[in-house]
Amino acid sequence: MKKKETGTTVKSPMVGIIHLLDEQKNPLVEVGTEVKAGDILAQIESMKLFNDIKSPVTGTVTAVKVSDSQGVEFSTPLFIIQGVD
């Protein structure tokens, strides 16, 4: 039986290509990264524009649901963040 993931699911707000790496090819976030509300988790490239995907909560990234340069649709789950109590 698959364990249910808890936390806040960050979903794609648009169709595009997800970019999980910074300019030096390092992950912006990975499982275990502590983030604050407003921190940039990734960017989605849509029509040659890069749109920041920001954390809606303060907490720890517990899952990255997509791969770098993957095509994503509207509402595709991208990350799960376990919020701070």
Foldseek 3Di string as FASTA:
>chain_A
DDDDDDADWQFDQAWAWKAQADPVRHGLADFFDWDAFFRFRTWGQDPNDTHTRTHRATAGWHDADDDHRDTDHHGHGGTGGHHDD
